[in-house]
Amino acid sequence: MALFVSGVVFVNCSPRIAATTTGAPKTEYPLAQLESGKAIWSGACTKCHKGYEPASHTAKQWERIVPRMAKKAKLDERQSADVLAYLISGAAG
């Protein structure tokens, strides 16, 4: 009895996690960006209020909320983009 084993190894320097939004095309963010966004969210965003979970809002809602709050938190463009990517990746609906 012969055993046939086949395998494929995929290597990617920049792991990506898919995030989808209703009515929008699939968007992928690098894992490093999501990790950065979560770290910033955990630190900067929870200084003034409770840390709302990504699924507490839709992607469209986060797209309106994050720019306003990033300005208040004095986040730069990269930090704001990282937080938005993190929140959108786990957004409701």
N, C-alpha and C. Protein backbone atom coordinates (compact mmCIF):
# COMPACT_ATOMS: atom_id res chain seq x y z
N MET A 1 0.85 -1.16 0.00
CA MET A 1 0.00 0.00 0.00
C MET A 1 0.90 1.24 0.00
N ALA A 2 0.69 2.07 -0.95
CA ALA A 2 1.52 3.27 -1.07
C ALA A 2 0.81 4.46 -0.45
N LEU A 3 1.58 5.29 0.18
CA LEU A 3 1.05 6.51 0.80
C LEU A 3 1.59 7.69 0.03
N PHE A 4 0.73 8.47 -0.47
CA PHE A 4 1.12 9.64 -1.25
C PHE A 4 0.90 10.88 -0.41
N VAL A 5 1.95 11.65 -0.19
CA VAL A 5 1.86 12.87 0.61
C VAL A 5 2.32 14.02 -0.25
N SER A 6 1.52 15.03 -0.27
CA SER A 6 1.85 16.22 -1.03
C SER A 6 1.66 17.41 -0.12
N GLY A 7 2.56 18.32 -0.17
CA GLY A 7 2.42 19.51 0.67
C GLY A 7 2.97 20.73 -0.03
N VAL A 8 2.40 21.82 0.32
CA VAL A 8 2.85 23.09 -0.22
C VAL A 8 3.08 24.02 0.96
N VAL A 9 4.20 24.70 0.94
CA VAL A 9 4.50 25.65 2.00
C VAL A 9 4.44 27.04 1.40
N PHE A 10 3.67 27.88 2.02
CA PHE A 10 3.57 29.26 1.59
C PHE A 10 4.32 30.13 2.59
N VAL A 11 5.18 30.96 2.11
CA VAL A 11 5.94 31.85 2.98
C VAL A 11 5.64 33.27 2.55
N ASN A 12 5.35 34.08 3.51
CA ASN A 12 5.02 35.47 3.23
C ASN A 12 5.70 36.33 4.28
N CYS A 13 6.44 37.31 3.86
CA CYS A 13 7.15 38.17 4.80
C CYS A 13 6.19 39.03 5.61
N SER A 14 5.04 39.30 5.09
CA SER A 14 4.10 40.19 5.75
C SER A 14 2.74 39.50 5.87
N PRO A 15 2.51 38.79 6.98
CA PRO A 15 1.22 38.13 7.13
C PRO A 15 0.08 39.14 7.05
N ARG A 16 -1.01 38.73 6.50
CA ARG A 16 -2.14 39.64 6.36
C ARG A 16 -3.39 38.96 6.88
N ILE A 17 -4.27 39.77 7.43
CA ILE A 17 -5.55 39.29 7.90
C ILE A 17 -6.61 40.03 7.11
N ALA A 18 -7.58 39.31 6.61
CA ALA A 18 -8.62 39.92 5.80
C ALA A 18 -9.66 40.58 6.68
N ALA A 19 -10.10 41.74 6.24
CA ALA A 19 -11.20 42.43 6.90
C ALA A 19 -12.23 42.73 5.84
N THR A 20 -13.46 42.49 6.13
CA THR A 20 -14.50 42.77 5.15
C THR A 20 -15.51 43.73 5.75
N THR A 21 -16.09 44.52 4.90
CA THR A 21 -17.14 45.43 5.32
C THR A 21 -18.32 45.24 4.39
N THR A 22 -19.49 45.49 4.88
CA THR A 22 -20.70 45.32 4.08
C THR A 22 -20.65 46.25 2.88
N GLY A 23 -20.84 45.72 1.71
CA GLY A 23 -20.87 46.52 0.50
C GLY A 23 -19.52 46.99 0.02
N ALA A 24 -18.45 46.62 0.70
CA ALA A 24 -17.12 47.06 0.30
C ALA A 24 -16.31 45.84 -0.12
N PRO A 25 -15.33 46.05 -0.98
CA PRO A 25 -14.49 44.93 -1.37
C PRO A 25 -13.64 44.46 -0.19
N LYS A 26 -13.19 43.23 -0.26
CA LYS A 26 -12.35 42.67 0.78
C LYS A 26 -11.06 43.48 0.88
N THR A 27 -10.69 43.83 2.10
CA THR A 27 -9.48 44.61 2.33
C THR A 27 -8.56 43.81 3.24
N GLU A 28 -7.29 43.84 2.97
CA GLU A 28 -6.34 43.13 3.79
C GLU A 28 -5.37 44.11 4.43
N TYR A 29 -5.07 43.85 5.70
CA TYR A 29 -4.13 44.66 6.44
C TYR A 29 -2.98 43.77 6.91
N PRO A 30 -1.76 44.27 6.88
CA PRO A 30 -0.63 43.50 7.40
C PRO A 30 -0.81 43.25 8.90
N LEU A 31 -0.40 42.08 9.35
CA LEU A 31 -0.52 41.72 10.75
C LEU A 31 0.16 42.75 11.64
N ALA A 32 1.32 43.25 11.22
CA ALA A 32 2.05 44.25 12.02
C ALA A 32 1.20 45.51 12.21
N GLN A 33 0.46 45.90 11.18
CA GLN A 33 -0.39 47.09 11.28
C GLN A 33 -1.54 46.84 12.27
N LEU A 34 -2.12 45.64 12.21
CA LEU A 34 -3.21 45.31 13.14
C LEU A 34 -2.72 45.27 14.58
N GLU A 35 -1.53 44.70 14.78
CA GLU A 35 -0.96 44.64 16.12
C GLU A 35 -0.65 46.03 16.64
N SER A 36 -0.11 46.88 15.78
CA SER A 36 0.17 48.26 16.15
C SER A 36 -1.11 49.00 16.50
N GLY A 37 -2.12 48.83 15.67
CA GLY A 37 -3.42 49.49 15.91
C GLY A 37 -4.04 49.07 17.22
N LYS A 38 -3.94 47.78 17.53
CA LYS A 38 -4.50 47.29 18.79
C LYS A 38 -3.74 47.87 19.98
N ALA A 39 -2.42 47.94 19.88
CA ALA A 39 -1.61 48.49 20.96
C ALA A 39 -1.92 49.97 21.19
N ILE A 40 -2.05 50.72 20.11
CA ILE A 40 -2.38 52.15 20.22
C ILE A 40 -3.77 52.30 20.81
N TRP A 41 -4.72 51.53 20.29
CA TRP A 41 -6.10 51.56 20.79
C TRP A 41 -6.14 51.24 22.27
N SER A 42 -5.40 50.21 22.69
CA SER A 42 -5.38 49.79 24.09
C SER A 42 -4.80 50.87 25.00
N GLY A 43 -3.85 51.63 24.48
CA GLY A 43 -3.21 52.67 25.29
C GLY A 43 -3.88 54.02 25.17
N ALA A 44 -3.84 54.58 23.99
CA ALA A 44 -4.32 55.95 23.78
C ALA A 44 -5.84 56.09 23.90
N CYS A 45 -6.56 55.15 23.35
CA CYS A 45 -8.02 55.31 23.29
C CYS A 45 -8.70 55.03 24.63
N THR A 46 -8.06 54.24 25.47
CA THR A 46 -8.68 53.92 26.75
C THR A 46 -8.27 54.87 27.86
N LYS A 47 -7.45 55.86 27.55
CA LYS A 47 -7.07 56.85 28.56
C LYS A 47 -8.26 57.72 28.94
N CYS A 48 -9.12 58.02 27.98
CA CYS A 48 -10.23 58.95 28.21
C CYS A 48 -11.59 58.26 28.35
N HIS A 49 -11.73 57.08 27.81
CA HIS A 49 -13.02 56.39 27.88
C HIS A 49 -12.81 54.89 27.77
N LYS A 50 -13.88 54.16 27.96
CA LYS A 50 -13.80 52.69 27.84
C LYS A 50 -13.37 52.33 26.42
N GLY A 51 -12.64 51.26 26.29
CA GLY A 51 -12.21 50.79 24.98
C GLY A 51 -13.32 50.01 24.32
N TYR A 52 -13.97 50.62 23.36
CA TYR A 52 -15.06 49.95 22.65
C TYR A 52 -14.48 48.85 21.78
N GLU A 53 -15.05 47.68 21.84
CA GLU A 53 -14.60 46.57 21.03
C GLU A 53 -14.86 46.87 19.55
N PRO A 54 -14.00 46.36 18.66
CA PRO A 54 -14.20 46.60 17.23
C PRO A 54 -15.60 46.24 16.74
N ALA A 55 -16.17 45.16 17.25
CA ALA A 55 -17.49 44.71 16.80
C ALA A 55 -18.64 45.57 17.33
N SER A 56 -18.33 46.56 18.16
CA SER A 56 -19.38 47.42 18.70
C SER A 56 -19.88 48.44 17.67
N HIS A 57 -19.17 48.58 16.56
CA HIS A 57 -19.55 49.50 15.49
C HIS A 57 -19.29 48.85 14.14
N THR A 58 -19.92 49.38 13.11
CA THR A 58 -19.65 48.92 11.75
C THR A 58 -18.40 49.63 11.23
N ALA A 59 -17.87 49.14 10.12
CA ALA A 59 -16.70 49.77 9.50
C ALA A 59 -17.00 51.22 9.15
N LYS A 60 -18.20 51.48 8.61
CA LYS A 60 -18.56 52.86 8.24
C LYS A 60 -18.58 53.76 9.46
N GLN A 61 -19.08 53.25 10.58
CA GLN A 61 -19.09 54.05 11.81
C GLN A 61 -17.67 54.33 12.28
N TRP A 62 -16.80 53.31 12.25
CA TRP A 62 -15.42 53.53 12.67
C TRP A 62 -14.73 54.54 11.76
N GLU A 63 -15.05 54.51 10.47
CA GLU A 63 -14.44 55.46 9.53
C GLU A 63 -14.82 56.90 9.85
N ARG A 64 -15.96 57.10 10.50
CA ARG A 64 -16.35 58.45 10.92
C ARG A 64 -15.79 58.80 12.30
N ILE A 65 -15.72 57.82 13.17
CA ILE A 65 -15.29 58.04 14.56
C ILE A 65 -13.78 58.26 14.68
N VAL A 66 -13.01 57.38 14.06
CA VAL A 66 -11.56 57.37 14.28
C VAL A 66 -10.88 58.70 13.91
N PRO A 67 -11.15 59.31 12.77
CA PRO A 67 -10.45 60.57 12.47
C PRO A 67 -10.69 61.65 13.54
N ARG A 68 -11.91 61.74 14.01
CA ARG A 68 -12.23 62.74 15.04
C ARG A 68 -11.49 62.44 16.34
N MET A 69 -11.53 61.17 16.75
CA MET A 69 -10.91 60.79 18.01
C MET A 69 -9.37 60.79 17.91
N ALA A 70 -8.84 60.46 16.75
CA ALA A 70 -7.38 60.47 16.55
C ALA A 70 -6.84 61.88 16.74
N LYS A 71 -7.59 62.85 16.28
CA LYS A 71 -7.19 64.25 16.44
C LYS A 71 -7.14 64.61 17.93
N LYS A 72 -8.15 64.20 18.68
CA LYS A 72 -8.19 64.48 20.12
C LYS A 72 -7.05 63.77 20.85
N ALA A 73 -6.71 62.56 20.40
CA ALA A 73 -5.65 61.77 21.03
C ALA A 73 -4.27 62.16 20.52
N LYS A 74 -4.23 63.09 19.57
CA LYS A 74 -2.98 63.56 18.97
C LYS A 74 -2.18 62.43 18.31
N LEU A 75 -2.92 61.57 17.60
CA LEU A 75 -2.27 60.50 16.84
C LEU A 75 -1.81 61.03 15.50
N ASP A 76 -0.68 60.54 15.02
CA ASP A 76 -0.25 60.94 13.68
C ASP A 76 -1.00 60.09 12.65
N GLU A 77 -0.76 60.36 11.37
CA GLU A 77 -1.50 59.66 10.31
C GLU A 77 -1.31 58.15 10.35
N ARG A 78 -0.08 57.71 10.57
CA ARG A 78 0.19 56.27 10.61
C ARG A 78 -0.52 55.62 11.79
N GLN A 79 -0.45 56.25 12.95
CA GLN A 79 -1.12 55.70 14.13
C GLN A 79 -2.62 55.63 13.91
N SER A 80 -3.18 56.68 13.35
CA SER A 80 -4.61 56.71 13.07
C SER A 80 -5.00 55.60 12.09
N ALA A 81 -4.19 55.42 11.05
CA ALA A 81 -4.46 54.38 10.05
C ALA A 81 -4.37 52.99 10.69
N ASP A 82 -3.42 52.80 11.58
CA ASP A 82 -3.27 51.51 12.26
C ASP A 82 -4.47 51.21 13.14
N VAL A 83 -4.91 52.21 13.90
CA VAL A 83 -6.09 52.02 14.77
C VAL A 83 -7.31 51.71 13.91
N LEU A 84 -7.49 52.47 12.84
CA LEU A 84 -8.64 52.23 11.97
C LEU A 84 -8.59 50.83 11.36
N ALA A 85 -7.43 50.39 10.93
CA ALA A 85 -7.30 49.04 10.37
C ALA A 85 -7.68 47.99 11.40
N TYR A 86 -7.19 48.17 12.63
CA TYR A 86 -7.53 47.22 13.70
C TYR A 86 -9.03 47.18 13.95
N LEU A 87 -9.64 48.34 14.05
CA LEU A 87 -11.07 48.39 14.36
C LEU A 87 -11.92 47.86 13.20
N ILE A 88 -11.57 48.21 11.98
CA ILE A 88 -12.32 47.74 10.83
C ILE A 88 -12.19 46.22 10.68
N SER A 89 -11.01 45.69 11.03
CA SER A 89 -10.80 44.25 10.86
C SER A 89 -11.75 43.42 11.73
N GLY A 90 -12.26 44.00 12.79
CA GLY A 90 -13.18 43.28 13.65
C GLY A 90 -14.54 43.91 13.76
N ALA A 91 -14.84 44.84 12.83
CA ALA A 91 -16.09 45.59 12.88
C ALA A 91 -17.32 44.70 12.66
N ALA A 92 -18.41 45.15 13.20
CA ALA A 92 -19.70 44.46 13.02
C ALA A 92 -20.17 44.61 11.58
N GLY A 93 -20.88 43.58 11.13
CA GLY A 93 -21.54 43.61 9.82
C GLY A 93 -20.69 44.01 8.74
